[in-house]
Amino acid sequence: MEDFGTNKTNLPFDENQLSSNTFIRTFYQDQDSGDYQWHRDREDRIIESIEKTDWMFQIDNQLPKVIEGKVFVPKGVWHRVIKGQGDLKIKLTKL
């Protein structure tokens, strides 16, 4: 498992910053699914899919769920995305 909070190189997504705490991230279908690893972050976050998707989000010790609506991601909790069809574009807000 990797803590992306300390390793910001070679991240498996593209990111565009909208404001000091809001970002658009794009995860690509052609990226190897092994690149979407378990990780944890240094701050609470809210993610929200911009388009309908079958990509899934999983928090440690919970079943994966399709990314729908706003998803709260607590600081320091292990989580991952699970690749679906097409690209995934999310809005990420760091709290």
N, C-alpha and C. Protein backbone atom coordinates (compact mmCIF):
# COMPACT_ATOMS: atom_id res chain seq x y z
N MET A 1 0.85 -1.18 0.00
CA MET A 1 0.00 0.00 0.00
C MET A 1 0.89 1.24 0.00
N GLU A 2 0.41 2.28 -0.64
CA GLU A 2 1.21 3.49 -0.79
C GLU A 2 0.47 4.67 -0.19
N ASP A 3 1.21 5.56 0.41
CA ASP A 3 0.65 6.79 0.95
C ASP A 3 0.98 7.91 -0.03
N PHE A 4 0.04 8.26 -0.91
CA PHE A 4 0.29 9.28 -1.92
C PHE A 4 0.51 10.66 -1.30
N GLY A 5 0.14 10.81 -0.03
CA GLY A 5 0.38 12.08 0.63
C GLY A 5 1.86 12.41 0.72
N THR A 6 2.73 11.39 0.64
CA THR A 6 4.16 11.64 0.73
C THR A 6 4.87 11.42 -0.59
N ASN A 7 4.19 10.86 -1.59
CA ASN A 7 4.82 10.58 -2.89
C ASN A 7 3.96 11.15 -3.99
N LYS A 8 4.34 12.31 -4.49
CA LYS A 8 3.52 12.97 -5.49
C LYS A 8 4.03 12.75 -6.91
N THR A 9 5.03 11.90 -7.09
CA THR A 9 5.55 11.64 -8.43
C THR A 9 4.86 10.41 -9.00
N ASN A 10 4.74 10.40 -10.31
CA ASN A 10 4.17 9.24 -11.02
C ASN A 10 2.75 8.89 -10.58
N LEU A 11 1.94 9.88 -10.30
CA LEU A 11 0.55 9.61 -9.92
C LEU A 11 -0.23 9.17 -11.16
N PRO A 12 -1.18 8.26 -11.01
CA PRO A 12 -1.88 7.66 -12.16
C PRO A 12 -3.08 8.48 -12.65
N PHE A 13 -2.97 9.79 -12.66
CA PHE A 13 -4.07 10.65 -13.13
C PHE A 13 -3.48 11.97 -13.58
N ASP A 14 -4.30 12.72 -14.34
CA ASP A 14 -3.98 14.11 -14.67
C ASP A 14 -4.82 14.99 -13.78
N GLU A 15 -4.29 16.16 -13.42
CA GLU A 15 -5.00 17.04 -12.49
C GLU A 15 -4.95 18.48 -12.97
N ASN A 16 -6.09 19.15 -12.89
CA ASN A 16 -6.19 20.58 -13.16
C ASN A 16 -6.75 21.25 -11.92
N GLN A 17 -6.07 22.29 -11.44
CA GLN A 17 -6.51 22.99 -10.23
C GLN A 17 -7.49 24.09 -10.59
N LEU A 18 -8.66 24.08 -9.92
CA LEU A 18 -9.69 25.09 -10.15
C LEU A 18 -9.60 26.22 -9.13
N SER A 19 -9.24 25.88 -7.89
CA SER A 19 -9.07 26.86 -6.82
C SER A 19 -8.05 26.28 -5.84
N SER A 20 -7.85 26.95 -4.72
CA SER A 20 -6.81 26.49 -3.78
C SER A 20 -7.08 25.09 -3.24
N ASN A 21 -8.34 24.67 -3.21
CA ASN A 21 -8.67 23.34 -2.67
C ASN A 21 -9.55 22.49 -3.57
N THR A 22 -9.75 22.90 -4.81
CA THR A 22 -10.63 22.17 -5.72
C THR A 22 -9.88 21.82 -7.00
N PHE A 23 -10.01 20.56 -7.41
CA PHE A 23 -9.27 20.03 -8.54
C PHE A 23 -10.18 19.18 -9.42
N ILE A 24 -9.84 19.08 -10.69
CA ILE A 24 -10.45 18.10 -11.59
C ILE A 24 -9.37 17.06 -11.88
N ARG A 25 -9.70 15.81 -11.61
CA ARG A 25 -8.76 14.72 -11.89
C ARG A 25 -9.36 13.80 -12.94
N THR A 26 -8.51 13.36 -13.86
CA THR A 26 -8.92 12.42 -14.89
C THR A 26 -8.09 11.15 -14.76
N PHE A 27 -8.79 10.03 -14.59
CA PHE A 27 -8.18 8.71 -14.54
C PHE A 27 -8.52 8.03 -15.86
N TYR A 28 -7.52 7.42 -16.51
CA TYR A 28 -7.70 6.94 -17.87
C TYR A 28 -7.92 5.43 -17.95
N GLN A 29 -8.84 5.05 -18.83
CA GLN A 29 -9.16 3.65 -19.09
C GLN A 29 -7.93 2.86 -19.51
N ASP A 30 -7.04 3.47 -20.29
CA ASP A 30 -5.89 2.73 -20.80
C ASP A 30 -4.74 2.62 -19.79
N GLN A 31 -4.89 3.23 -18.63
CA GLN A 31 -3.89 3.09 -17.55
C GLN A 31 -3.99 1.69 -16.96
N ASP A 32 -2.88 1.08 -16.63
CA ASP A 32 -2.88 -0.25 -16.02
C ASP A 32 -3.64 -0.21 -14.70
N SER A 33 -4.56 -1.16 -14.49
CA SER A 33 -5.38 -1.15 -13.27
C SER A 33 -4.53 -1.31 -12.01
N GLY A 34 -3.34 -1.90 -12.14
CA GLY A 34 -2.44 -2.03 -11.00
C GLY A 34 -1.89 -0.70 -10.52
N ASP A 35 -2.01 0.35 -11.35
CA ASP A 35 -1.54 1.67 -10.96
C ASP A 35 -2.50 2.35 -9.98
N TYR A 36 -3.73 1.86 -9.91
CA TYR A 36 -4.72 2.44 -9.00
C TYR A 36 -4.65 1.68 -7.68
N GLN A 37 -3.67 2.05 -6.86
CA GLN A 37 -3.34 1.33 -5.65
C GLN A 37 -4.07 1.89 -4.43
N TRP A 38 -4.10 1.06 -3.40
CA TRP A 38 -4.57 1.52 -2.09
C TRP A 38 -3.66 2.66 -1.65
N HIS A 39 -4.25 3.71 -1.10
CA HIS A 39 -3.48 4.83 -0.60
C HIS A 39 -4.30 5.59 0.43
N ARG A 40 -3.68 6.54 1.08
CA ARG A 40 -4.39 7.40 2.02
C ARG A 40 -3.90 8.83 1.83
N ASP A 41 -4.70 9.77 2.29
CA ASP A 41 -4.40 11.18 2.07
C ASP A 41 -4.27 11.92 3.40
N ARG A 42 -3.67 13.09 3.34
CA ARG A 42 -3.39 13.88 4.54
C ARG A 42 -4.53 14.78 4.99
N GLU A 43 -5.60 14.85 4.22
CA GLU A 43 -6.73 15.69 4.60
C GLU A 43 -8.03 15.02 4.19
N ASP A 44 -9.13 15.42 4.86
CA ASP A 44 -10.46 14.96 4.45
C ASP A 44 -10.70 15.47 3.04
N ARG A 45 -11.47 14.69 2.27
CA ARG A 45 -11.77 15.06 0.89
C ARG A 45 -13.21 14.70 0.55
N ILE A 46 -13.71 15.37 -0.46
CA ILE A 46 -14.98 14.99 -1.08
C ILE A 46 -14.68 14.79 -2.56
N ILE A 47 -15.08 13.63 -3.09
CA ILE A 47 -14.96 13.40 -4.53
C ILE A 47 -16.35 13.28 -5.12
N GLU A 48 -16.46 13.68 -6.36
CA GLU A 48 -17.75 13.62 -7.06
C GLU A 48 -17.47 13.39 -8.54
N SER A 49 -18.07 12.34 -9.10
CA SER A 49 -17.90 12.07 -10.52
C SER A 49 -18.60 13.17 -11.32
N ILE A 50 -17.92 13.65 -12.34
CA ILE A 50 -18.49 14.70 -13.19
C ILE A 50 -19.44 14.10 -14.22
N GLU A 51 -19.20 12.86 -14.61
CA GLU A 51 -20.05 12.18 -15.59
C GLU A 51 -20.48 10.84 -15.03
N LYS A 52 -21.54 10.28 -15.57
CA LYS A 52 -21.98 8.95 -15.15
C LYS A 52 -20.85 7.95 -15.43
N THR A 53 -20.62 7.05 -14.47
CA THR A 53 -19.49 6.13 -14.60
C THR A 53 -19.81 4.80 -13.93
N ASP A 54 -19.06 3.77 -14.32
CA ASP A 54 -19.15 2.50 -13.60
C ASP A 54 -17.87 2.23 -12.81
N TRP A 55 -16.97 3.22 -12.77
CA TRP A 55 -15.80 3.10 -11.91
C TRP A 55 -16.29 3.01 -10.48
N MET A 56 -15.50 2.35 -9.64
CA MET A 56 -15.92 2.15 -8.26
C MET A 56 -14.89 2.77 -7.30
N PHE A 57 -15.35 3.02 -6.09
CA PHE A 57 -14.53 3.56 -5.02
C PHE A 57 -14.65 2.62 -3.84
N GLN A 58 -13.52 2.33 -3.20
CA GLN A 58 -13.55 1.42 -2.06
C GLN A 58 -12.73 1.98 -0.91
N ILE A 59 -13.36 2.00 0.26
CA ILE A 59 -12.68 2.34 1.51
C ILE A 59 -12.33 1.04 2.20
N ASP A 60 -11.18 0.99 2.86
CA ASP A 60 -10.70 -0.21 3.55
C ASP A 60 -11.80 -0.81 4.43
N ASN A 61 -11.94 -2.11 4.34
CA ASN A 61 -12.92 -2.90 5.10
C ASN A 61 -14.37 -2.61 4.70
N GLN A 62 -14.58 -2.06 3.51
CA GLN A 62 -15.93 -1.85 2.98
C GLN A 62 -15.98 -2.42 1.57
N LEU A 63 -17.19 -2.73 1.12
CA LEU A 63 -17.37 -3.21 -0.24
C LEU A 63 -17.23 -2.05 -1.22
N PRO A 64 -16.74 -2.30 -2.44
CA PRO A 64 -16.66 -1.24 -3.45
C PRO A 64 -18.05 -0.75 -3.82
N LYS A 65 -18.14 0.55 -4.14
CA LYS A 65 -19.40 1.17 -4.56
C LYS A 65 -19.15 2.00 -5.81
N VAL A 66 -20.13 2.01 -6.71
CA VAL A 66 -20.05 2.87 -7.89
C VAL A 66 -20.00 4.32 -7.40
N ILE A 67 -19.19 5.14 -8.05
CA ILE A 67 -19.04 6.54 -7.65
C ILE A 67 -20.27 7.31 -8.12
N GLU A 68 -21.13 7.65 -7.18
CA GLU A 68 -22.36 8.41 -7.45
C GLU A 68 -22.49 9.50 -6.40
N GLY A 69 -22.84 10.69 -6.84
CA GLY A 69 -22.99 11.80 -5.90
C GLY A 69 -21.68 12.13 -5.23
N LYS A 70 -21.77 12.80 -4.08
CA LYS A 70 -20.57 13.19 -3.35
C LYS A 70 -20.16 12.05 -2.42
N VAL A 71 -18.86 11.75 -2.42
CA VAL A 71 -18.31 10.69 -1.58
C VAL A 71 -17.30 11.33 -0.63
N PHE A 72 -17.51 11.16 0.68
CA PHE A 72 -16.60 11.69 1.68
C PHE A 72 -15.48 10.70 1.92
N VAL A 73 -14.23 11.18 1.89
CA VAL A 73 -13.05 10.35 2.11
C VAL A 73 -12.32 10.91 3.33
N PRO A 74 -12.39 10.20 4.47
CA PRO A 74 -11.74 10.71 5.68
C PRO A 74 -10.22 10.70 5.59
N LYS A 75 -9.60 11.68 6.21
CA LYS A 75 -8.14 11.78 6.29
C LYS A 75 -7.55 10.50 6.88
N GLY A 76 -6.47 10.00 6.27
CA GLY A 76 -5.73 8.87 6.82
C GLY A 76 -6.35 7.51 6.62
N VAL A 77 -7.48 7.42 5.91
CA VAL A 77 -8.17 6.14 5.69
C VAL A 77 -7.72 5.56 4.35
N TRP A 78 -7.34 4.28 4.34
CA TRP A 78 -6.92 3.62 3.11
C TRP A 78 -8.10 3.49 2.16
N HIS A 79 -7.87 3.80 0.87
CA HIS A 79 -8.93 3.73 -0.14
C HIS A 79 -8.30 3.59 -1.52
N ARG A 80 -9.16 3.30 -2.50
CA ARG A 80 -8.70 3.15 -3.88
C ARG A 80 -9.86 3.34 -4.84
N VAL A 81 -9.53 3.58 -6.11
CA VAL A 81 -10.52 3.54 -7.18
C VAL A 81 -10.32 2.23 -7.93
N ILE A 82 -11.42 1.72 -8.47
CA ILE A 82 -11.40 0.48 -9.24
C ILE A 82 -11.87 0.82 -10.64
N LYS A 83 -11.04 0.51 -11.60
CA LYS A 83 -11.26 0.90 -12.99
C LYS A 83 -12.54 0.30 -13.55
N GLY A 84 -13.27 1.14 -14.29
CA GLY A 84 -14.45 0.72 -15.02
C GLY A 84 -14.23 0.96 -16.51
N GLN A 85 -15.33 1.19 -17.23
CA GLN A 85 -15.26 1.45 -18.67
C GLN A 85 -15.07 2.95 -18.91
N GLY A 86 -14.27 3.28 -19.91
CA GLY A 86 -14.04 4.68 -20.25
C GLY A 86 -13.18 5.37 -19.21
N ASP A 87 -12.98 6.66 -19.39
CA ASP A 87 -12.19 7.45 -18.45
C ASP A 87 -13.08 7.91 -17.31
N LEU A 88 -12.46 8.19 -16.18
CA LEU A 88 -13.16 8.73 -15.01
C LEU A 88 -12.69 10.16 -14.79
N LYS A 89 -13.64 11.08 -14.68
CA LYS A 89 -13.31 12.47 -14.38
C LYS A 89 -14.06 12.85 -13.10
N ILE A 90 -13.28 13.27 -12.07
CA ILE A 90 -13.90 13.65 -10.81
C ILE A 90 -13.54 15.08 -10.42
N LYS A 91 -14.43 15.64 -9.60
CA LYS A 91 -14.13 16.90 -8.93
C LYS A 91 -13.68 16.50 -7.53
N LEU A 92 -12.53 16.99 -7.09
CA LEU A 92 -11.96 16.68 -5.80
C LEU A 92 -11.87 17.96 -4.98
N THR A 93 -12.44 17.94 -3.79
CA THR A 93 -12.34 19.09 -2.89
C THR A 93 -11.61 18.66 -1.63
N LYS A 94 -10.49 19.32 -1.35
CA LYS A 94 -9.73 19.04 -0.14
C LYS A 94 -10.27 19.93 0.97
N LEU A 95 -10.66 19.31 2.08
CA LEU A 95 -11.26 20.06 3.19
C LEU A 95 -10.23 20.48 4.21
